Structure formats: structure tokens, C-alpha cells
N, C-alpha and C. Protein backbone atom coordinates (compact mmCIF):
# COMPACT_ATOMS: atom_id res chain seq x y z
N MET A 1 -58.39 -5.16 -30.78
CA MET A 1 -58.77 -3.82 -30.39
C MET A 1 -58.36 -2.89 -31.52
N GLN A 2 -59.28 -2.04 -31.97
CA GLN A 2 -58.94 -1.13 -33.05
C GLN A 2 -59.74 0.16 -32.98
N ILE A 3 -59.17 1.20 -33.61
CA ILE A 3 -59.92 2.44 -33.82
C ILE A 3 -60.78 2.18 -35.04
N SER A 4 -62.09 2.14 -34.85
CA SER A 4 -62.99 1.73 -35.92
C SER A 4 -63.61 2.88 -36.69
N ALA A 5 -63.67 4.07 -36.09
CA ALA A 5 -64.24 5.24 -36.78
C ALA A 5 -63.80 6.50 -36.06
N VAL A 6 -63.70 7.60 -36.84
CA VAL A 6 -63.36 8.90 -36.27
C VAL A 6 -64.24 9.95 -36.90
N GLN A 7 -64.91 10.75 -36.06
CA GLN A 7 -65.64 11.93 -36.55
C GLN A 7 -64.82 13.11 -36.07
N TYR A 8 -63.82 13.51 -36.91
CA TYR A 8 -62.88 14.55 -36.48
C TYR A 8 -63.39 15.96 -36.78
N ASP A 9 -64.33 16.08 -37.70
CA ASP A 9 -64.89 17.40 -38.03
C ASP A 9 -66.34 17.41 -37.57
N SER A 10 -66.58 18.04 -36.44
CA SER A 10 -67.91 18.10 -35.87
C SER A 10 -68.88 18.71 -36.89
N PRO A 11 -70.01 18.05 -37.17
CA PRO A 11 -70.97 18.61 -38.14
C PRO A 11 -71.46 19.99 -37.71
N GLY A 12 -71.68 20.86 -38.67
CA GLY A 12 -72.16 22.21 -38.36
C GLY A 12 -71.01 23.15 -38.05
N ARG A 13 -71.36 24.31 -37.48
CA ARG A 13 -70.34 25.30 -37.14
C ARG A 13 -69.56 24.88 -35.93
N ASP A 14 -68.25 25.14 -35.95
CA ASP A 14 -67.41 24.85 -34.79
C ASP A 14 -67.53 26.01 -33.81
N ASP A 15 -68.60 25.98 -33.00
CA ASP A 15 -68.87 27.09 -32.08
C ASP A 15 -68.43 26.78 -30.64
N ARG A 16 -67.74 25.64 -30.45
CA ARG A 16 -67.23 25.22 -29.15
C ARG A 16 -68.33 24.98 -28.13
N SER A 17 -69.58 24.84 -28.56
CA SER A 17 -70.63 24.46 -27.63
C SER A 17 -70.39 23.01 -27.23
N ASN A 18 -70.90 22.60 -26.08
CA ASN A 18 -70.72 21.23 -25.63
C ASN A 18 -71.33 20.25 -26.64
N ARG A 19 -72.46 20.64 -27.22
CA ARG A 19 -73.11 19.79 -28.23
C ARG A 19 -72.20 19.56 -29.42
N SER A 20 -71.56 20.64 -29.88
CA SER A 20 -70.64 20.54 -31.01
C SER A 20 -69.40 19.73 -30.63
N LEU A 21 -68.85 19.97 -29.44
CA LEU A 21 -67.67 19.23 -28.99
C LEU A 21 -67.96 17.73 -28.91
N ASN A 22 -69.17 17.37 -28.49
CA ASN A 22 -69.50 15.95 -28.36
C ASN A 22 -69.83 15.27 -29.68
N ARG A 23 -69.95 16.09 -30.74
CA ARG A 23 -70.15 15.51 -32.07
C ARG A 23 -68.81 15.27 -32.75
N GLU A 24 -67.73 15.48 -32.02
CA GLU A 24 -66.38 15.10 -32.42
C GLU A 24 -66.03 13.90 -31.53
N TRP A 25 -65.70 12.77 -32.16
CA TRP A 25 -65.47 11.56 -31.38
C TRP A 25 -64.58 10.55 -32.11
N VAL A 26 -64.12 9.58 -31.33
CA VAL A 26 -63.34 8.44 -31.85
C VAL A 26 -64.01 7.18 -31.31
N GLU A 27 -64.23 6.20 -32.19
CA GLU A 27 -64.78 4.92 -31.75
C GLU A 27 -63.69 3.87 -31.67
N ILE A 28 -63.73 3.11 -30.59
CA ILE A 28 -62.79 2.01 -30.38
C ILE A 28 -63.60 0.74 -30.25
N THR A 29 -63.23 -0.27 -31.03
CA THR A 29 -63.96 -1.52 -31.06
C THR A 29 -63.09 -2.67 -30.57
N ASN A 30 -63.67 -3.46 -29.67
CA ASN A 30 -63.04 -4.69 -29.22
C ASN A 30 -63.51 -5.78 -30.19
N THR A 31 -62.62 -6.21 -31.06
CA THR A 31 -62.99 -7.21 -32.08
C THR A 31 -62.94 -8.63 -31.54
N GLY A 32 -62.39 -8.80 -30.36
CA GLY A 32 -62.31 -10.14 -29.76
C GLY A 32 -63.57 -10.50 -29.01
N ARG A 33 -63.60 -11.72 -28.53
CA ARG A 33 -64.79 -12.19 -27.80
C ARG A 33 -64.73 -11.87 -26.32
N ARG A 34 -63.52 -11.67 -25.78
CA ARG A 34 -63.37 -11.42 -24.35
C ARG A 34 -63.33 -9.92 -24.04
N ALA A 35 -63.85 -9.57 -22.88
CA ALA A 35 -63.79 -8.18 -22.41
C ALA A 35 -62.33 -7.79 -22.17
N VAL A 36 -62.02 -6.51 -22.38
CA VAL A 36 -60.67 -6.00 -22.16
C VAL A 36 -60.75 -4.83 -21.18
N ASN A 37 -59.91 -4.87 -20.16
CA ASN A 37 -59.83 -3.78 -19.19
C ASN A 37 -58.95 -2.68 -19.80
N LEU A 38 -59.53 -1.52 -20.11
CA LEU A 38 -58.80 -0.42 -20.74
C LEU A 38 -58.21 0.55 -19.72
N ASP A 39 -58.26 0.22 -18.44
CA ASP A 39 -57.73 1.10 -17.41
C ASP A 39 -56.26 1.43 -17.70
N GLY A 40 -55.95 2.72 -17.84
CA GLY A 40 -54.59 3.16 -18.12
C GLY A 40 -54.25 3.25 -19.60
N TRP A 41 -55.14 2.80 -20.48
CA TRP A 41 -54.91 2.93 -21.93
C TRP A 41 -55.06 4.40 -22.31
N THR A 42 -54.42 4.83 -23.40
CA THR A 42 -54.50 6.22 -23.82
C THR A 42 -54.91 6.36 -25.28
N LEU A 43 -55.57 7.48 -25.55
CA LEU A 43 -55.94 7.90 -26.89
C LEU A 43 -55.35 9.30 -27.05
N LYS A 44 -54.50 9.49 -28.06
CA LYS A 44 -53.71 10.72 -28.16
C LYS A 44 -53.75 11.27 -29.58
N ASP A 45 -53.68 12.61 -29.69
CA ASP A 45 -53.58 13.25 -31.01
C ASP A 45 -52.13 13.63 -31.26
N GLU A 46 -51.85 14.21 -32.45
CA GLU A 46 -50.48 14.57 -32.81
C GLU A 46 -49.91 15.70 -31.96
N ASP A 47 -50.78 16.52 -31.36
CA ASP A 47 -50.33 17.64 -30.53
C ASP A 47 -50.10 17.23 -29.08
N GLY A 48 -50.34 15.98 -28.77
CA GLY A 48 -50.09 15.50 -27.41
C GLY A 48 -51.28 15.53 -26.48
N HIS A 49 -52.47 15.95 -26.97
CA HIS A 49 -53.66 15.90 -26.12
C HIS A 49 -53.95 14.42 -25.85
N THR A 50 -54.02 14.05 -24.60
CA THR A 50 -54.16 12.65 -24.24
C THR A 50 -55.38 12.42 -23.37
N PHE A 51 -56.15 11.41 -23.74
CA PHE A 51 -57.27 10.94 -22.92
C PHE A 51 -56.85 9.60 -22.35
N THR A 52 -56.94 9.47 -21.01
CA THR A 52 -56.60 8.21 -20.35
C THR A 52 -57.87 7.55 -19.85
N PHE A 53 -58.04 6.28 -20.18
CA PHE A 53 -59.20 5.52 -19.72
C PHE A 53 -59.01 5.17 -18.24
N HIS A 54 -60.07 5.34 -17.45
CA HIS A 54 -60.03 5.01 -16.03
C HIS A 54 -61.18 4.08 -15.69
N HIS A 55 -60.87 2.95 -15.10
CA HIS A 55 -61.88 2.01 -14.64
C HIS A 55 -62.93 1.73 -15.71
N TYR A 56 -62.47 1.38 -16.90
CA TYR A 56 -63.40 1.08 -17.99
C TYR A 56 -63.06 -0.27 -18.60
N ARG A 57 -64.09 -1.08 -18.78
CA ARG A 57 -63.95 -2.41 -19.36
C ARG A 57 -64.82 -2.47 -20.60
N LEU A 58 -64.20 -2.81 -21.74
CA LEU A 58 -64.95 -2.89 -23.01
C LEU A 58 -65.26 -4.35 -23.30
N ASP A 59 -66.55 -4.66 -23.34
CA ASP A 59 -66.99 -6.03 -23.60
C ASP A 59 -66.52 -6.51 -24.96
N GLY A 60 -66.47 -7.82 -25.11
CA GLY A 60 -66.11 -8.41 -26.39
C GLY A 60 -67.10 -8.01 -27.47
N ARG A 61 -66.59 -7.83 -28.69
CA ARG A 61 -67.40 -7.45 -29.85
C ARG A 61 -68.28 -6.22 -29.56
N SER A 62 -67.68 -5.24 -28.86
CA SER A 62 -68.40 -4.02 -28.50
C SER A 62 -67.59 -2.80 -28.90
N THR A 63 -68.28 -1.66 -28.98
CA THR A 63 -67.65 -0.40 -29.37
C THR A 63 -67.96 0.68 -28.34
N VAL A 64 -66.97 1.51 -28.05
CA VAL A 64 -67.17 2.67 -27.20
C VAL A 64 -66.83 3.91 -28.02
N ARG A 65 -67.62 4.96 -27.84
CA ARG A 65 -67.39 6.23 -28.53
C ARG A 65 -66.84 7.22 -27.51
N VAL A 66 -65.64 7.75 -27.79
CA VAL A 66 -65.00 8.71 -26.89
C VAL A 66 -65.24 10.12 -27.45
N HIS A 67 -66.10 10.87 -26.76
CA HIS A 67 -66.48 12.23 -27.18
C HIS A 67 -65.49 13.24 -26.60
N THR A 68 -65.34 14.38 -27.27
CA THR A 68 -64.42 15.41 -26.81
C THR A 68 -64.98 16.22 -25.64
N GLY A 69 -66.26 16.54 -25.67
CA GLY A 69 -66.85 17.43 -24.67
C GLY A 69 -67.18 16.77 -23.34
N GLU A 70 -68.10 17.42 -22.62
CA GLU A 70 -68.48 16.97 -21.29
C GLU A 70 -69.75 16.14 -21.35
N GLY A 71 -69.85 15.18 -20.45
CA GLY A 71 -71.04 14.35 -20.39
C GLY A 71 -70.89 13.29 -19.32
N ARG A 72 -71.90 12.44 -19.21
CA ARG A 72 -71.88 11.37 -18.21
C ARG A 72 -71.44 10.08 -18.89
N ASP A 73 -70.35 9.51 -18.41
CA ASP A 73 -69.83 8.28 -18.99
C ASP A 73 -70.85 7.15 -18.86
N SER A 74 -70.90 6.31 -19.88
CA SER A 74 -71.76 5.13 -19.88
C SER A 74 -70.98 3.99 -20.49
N ARG A 75 -71.61 2.85 -20.64
CA ARG A 75 -70.95 1.69 -21.22
C ARG A 75 -70.54 1.94 -22.67
N SER A 76 -71.34 2.74 -23.40
CA SER A 76 -71.09 2.94 -24.83
C SER A 76 -70.52 4.32 -25.18
N ASP A 77 -70.48 5.23 -24.21
CA ASP A 77 -69.99 6.60 -24.46
C ASP A 77 -69.14 7.08 -23.30
N LEU A 78 -67.95 7.58 -23.65
CA LEU A 78 -67.07 8.19 -22.66
C LEU A 78 -66.81 9.63 -23.09
N PHE A 79 -66.49 10.49 -22.12
CA PHE A 79 -66.32 11.92 -22.40
C PHE A 79 -64.98 12.41 -21.87
N GLN A 80 -64.26 13.19 -22.72
CA GLN A 80 -62.96 13.73 -22.32
C GLN A 80 -63.11 14.96 -21.43
N ASP A 81 -64.32 15.54 -21.38
CA ASP A 81 -64.61 16.72 -20.56
C ASP A 81 -63.72 17.91 -20.93
N ARG A 82 -63.51 18.09 -22.23
CA ARG A 82 -62.72 19.23 -22.72
C ARG A 82 -63.64 20.36 -23.17
N ARG A 83 -63.08 21.57 -23.19
CA ARG A 83 -63.83 22.74 -23.65
C ARG A 83 -63.32 23.24 -25.00
N ASN A 84 -62.37 22.52 -25.57
CA ASN A 84 -61.84 22.84 -26.90
C ASN A 84 -61.76 21.56 -27.73
N TYR A 85 -61.78 21.73 -29.04
CA TYR A 85 -61.66 20.59 -29.95
C TYR A 85 -60.28 19.96 -29.83
N VAL A 86 -60.21 18.67 -30.07
CA VAL A 86 -58.94 17.93 -30.02
C VAL A 86 -58.47 17.59 -31.42
N TRP A 87 -59.34 17.00 -32.21
CA TRP A 87 -58.95 16.43 -33.51
C TRP A 87 -58.94 17.51 -34.58
N ASP A 88 -57.81 17.68 -35.25
CA ASP A 88 -57.65 18.69 -36.30
C ASP A 88 -58.48 18.29 -37.52
N ASN A 89 -59.23 19.24 -38.06
CA ASN A 89 -60.10 18.95 -39.21
C ASN A 89 -59.31 18.67 -40.49
N ARG A 90 -58.11 19.25 -40.61
CA ARG A 90 -57.34 19.09 -41.85
C ARG A 90 -56.52 17.80 -41.86
N SER A 91 -55.78 17.56 -40.79
CA SER A 91 -54.99 16.33 -40.72
C SER A 91 -54.59 16.08 -39.27
N ASP A 92 -54.61 14.83 -38.90
CA ASP A 92 -54.26 14.45 -37.55
C ASP A 92 -54.14 12.93 -37.51
N THR A 93 -53.68 12.41 -36.39
CA THR A 93 -53.63 10.97 -36.17
C THR A 93 -54.10 10.68 -34.76
N ALA A 94 -55.04 9.76 -34.64
CA ALA A 94 -55.48 9.27 -33.34
C ALA A 94 -54.71 7.99 -33.07
N THR A 95 -54.03 7.93 -31.92
CA THR A 95 -53.22 6.76 -31.59
C THR A 95 -53.71 6.15 -30.28
N LEU A 96 -53.94 4.85 -30.31
CA LEU A 96 -54.37 4.09 -29.14
C LEU A 96 -53.19 3.26 -28.63
N ARG A 97 -52.90 3.42 -27.33
CA ARG A 97 -51.83 2.63 -26.70
C ARG A 97 -52.37 1.95 -25.45
N ASN A 98 -51.79 0.80 -25.13
CA ASN A 98 -52.26 0.09 -23.93
C ASN A 98 -51.62 0.68 -22.68
N ASP A 99 -51.90 0.06 -21.53
CA ASP A 99 -51.43 0.61 -20.25
C ASP A 99 -49.92 0.48 -20.06
N HIS A 100 -49.23 -0.20 -20.98
CA HIS A 100 -47.76 -0.27 -20.94
C HIS A 100 -47.14 0.66 -21.98
N GLY A 101 -47.99 1.47 -22.64
CA GLY A 101 -47.51 2.39 -23.66
C GLY A 101 -47.25 1.75 -25.00
N ARG A 102 -47.66 0.50 -25.15
CA ARG A 102 -47.44 -0.24 -26.39
C ARG A 102 -48.48 0.16 -27.43
N PHE A 103 -48.02 0.37 -28.66
CA PHE A 103 -48.89 0.74 -29.77
C PHE A 103 -49.94 -0.34 -30.01
N ILE A 104 -51.21 0.07 -30.17
CA ILE A 104 -52.29 -0.86 -30.47
C ILE A 104 -52.85 -0.58 -31.86
N ASP A 105 -53.21 0.68 -32.14
CA ASP A 105 -53.77 1.02 -33.45
C ASP A 105 -53.71 2.54 -33.62
N ASP A 106 -53.82 2.98 -34.87
CA ASP A 106 -53.97 4.41 -35.13
C ASP A 106 -54.85 4.62 -36.35
N ALA A 107 -55.32 5.84 -36.49
CA ALA A 107 -56.12 6.24 -37.65
C ALA A 107 -55.68 7.65 -38.01
N SER A 108 -55.39 7.87 -39.30
CA SER A 108 -54.94 9.18 -39.78
C SER A 108 -55.87 9.70 -40.85
N TRP A 109 -55.89 11.03 -40.98
CA TRP A 109 -56.65 11.65 -42.06
C TRP A 109 -55.89 12.88 -42.52
N GLY A 110 -56.21 13.35 -43.70
CA GLY A 110 -55.53 14.51 -44.25
C GLY A 110 -54.19 14.15 -44.85
N ARG A 111 -53.31 15.14 -44.91
CA ARG A 111 -52.01 14.94 -45.54
C ARG A 111 -51.00 14.34 -44.58
N HIS A 112 -50.62 13.13 -44.85
CA HIS A 112 -49.63 12.43 -44.03
C HIS A 112 -48.70 11.67 -44.95
N HIS A 113 -47.71 11.05 -44.39
CA HIS A 113 -46.75 10.26 -45.15
C HIS A 113 -47.52 9.19 -45.91
N GLY A 114 -47.79 9.41 -47.18
CA GLY A 114 -48.50 8.41 -47.98
C GLY A 114 -50.00 8.42 -47.75
N GLY A 115 -50.49 9.20 -46.79
CA GLY A 115 -51.93 9.27 -46.52
C GLY A 115 -52.47 7.99 -45.92
N GLY A 116 -53.74 8.03 -45.51
CA GLY A 116 -54.40 6.84 -44.98
C GLY A 116 -53.81 6.38 -43.66
N ARG A 117 -54.03 5.09 -43.39
CA ARG A 117 -53.58 4.51 -42.13
C ARG A 117 -52.08 4.21 -42.18
N HIS A 118 -51.41 4.42 -41.09
CA HIS A 118 -50.00 4.07 -41.00
C HIS A 118 -49.67 3.74 -39.56
N HIS A 119 -48.57 3.05 -39.38
CA HIS A 119 -48.14 2.69 -38.03
C HIS A 119 -46.80 3.34 -37.74
N ARG A 120 -46.62 3.70 -36.48
CA ARG A 120 -45.36 4.33 -36.07
C ARG A 120 -44.52 3.32 -35.32
């Protein structure tokens, strides 16, 4: 299980429209062959904004895109239903933890300790 891509800077003007909010997203990929139940897993930014997965199962070798704005959840797209941006355009870290709070993966951008990906 890994964070495979992050679109932290929504293309175009940051006008807080739902369309703009949904163009900010994090992709999580199940690299294994077996489905994984993500119920209770969390995706969090450095400021503590947390998205908790509820009743969601990610098939093996599949990717889900977690959008910031509002929308109808599907197998390939989930929505945080927020009205403000989560991911900082300059620097931030997206951290994925399992339902026991155990670190799974993270992705960082901008100015961080040594830059790039790091683990806490």
C-alpha cells in the first residue's frame, strides 16, 4: 500500500469552488494482489486535517483518488467533503496510517528535512 501520487496544487485559480477543491487529491495504490479493507485507515496533513476511510475496500493492484471537495464516493474516487483546501501548495506531507495508527507511507513536497520522501 502506498501513496502513489499527489496533486496538492489545484490547477487554475484557488477559488474554493467544489470543482477546484476536487482537483486537489491524493492517490493511494494497493500494490499487492489481495484486496485490503481500509476501514479506519487515515490520511493526514501536517496541520492535522484527517480523512478517515469508512467501509472502503481497495482491490489488489488498484488505485483510489481521495479528493478534497464534495462528491459521490465510488470505487475509484473518494471525497473528503471539505469546503477548504487541505494540502499546502508550498510544502506539506501526506501520511497514510492503518486502522491501528501504524505508519504505512508518506509523501512530502516543498522544503522539508532533506526534501523528497521521508519517514517519521
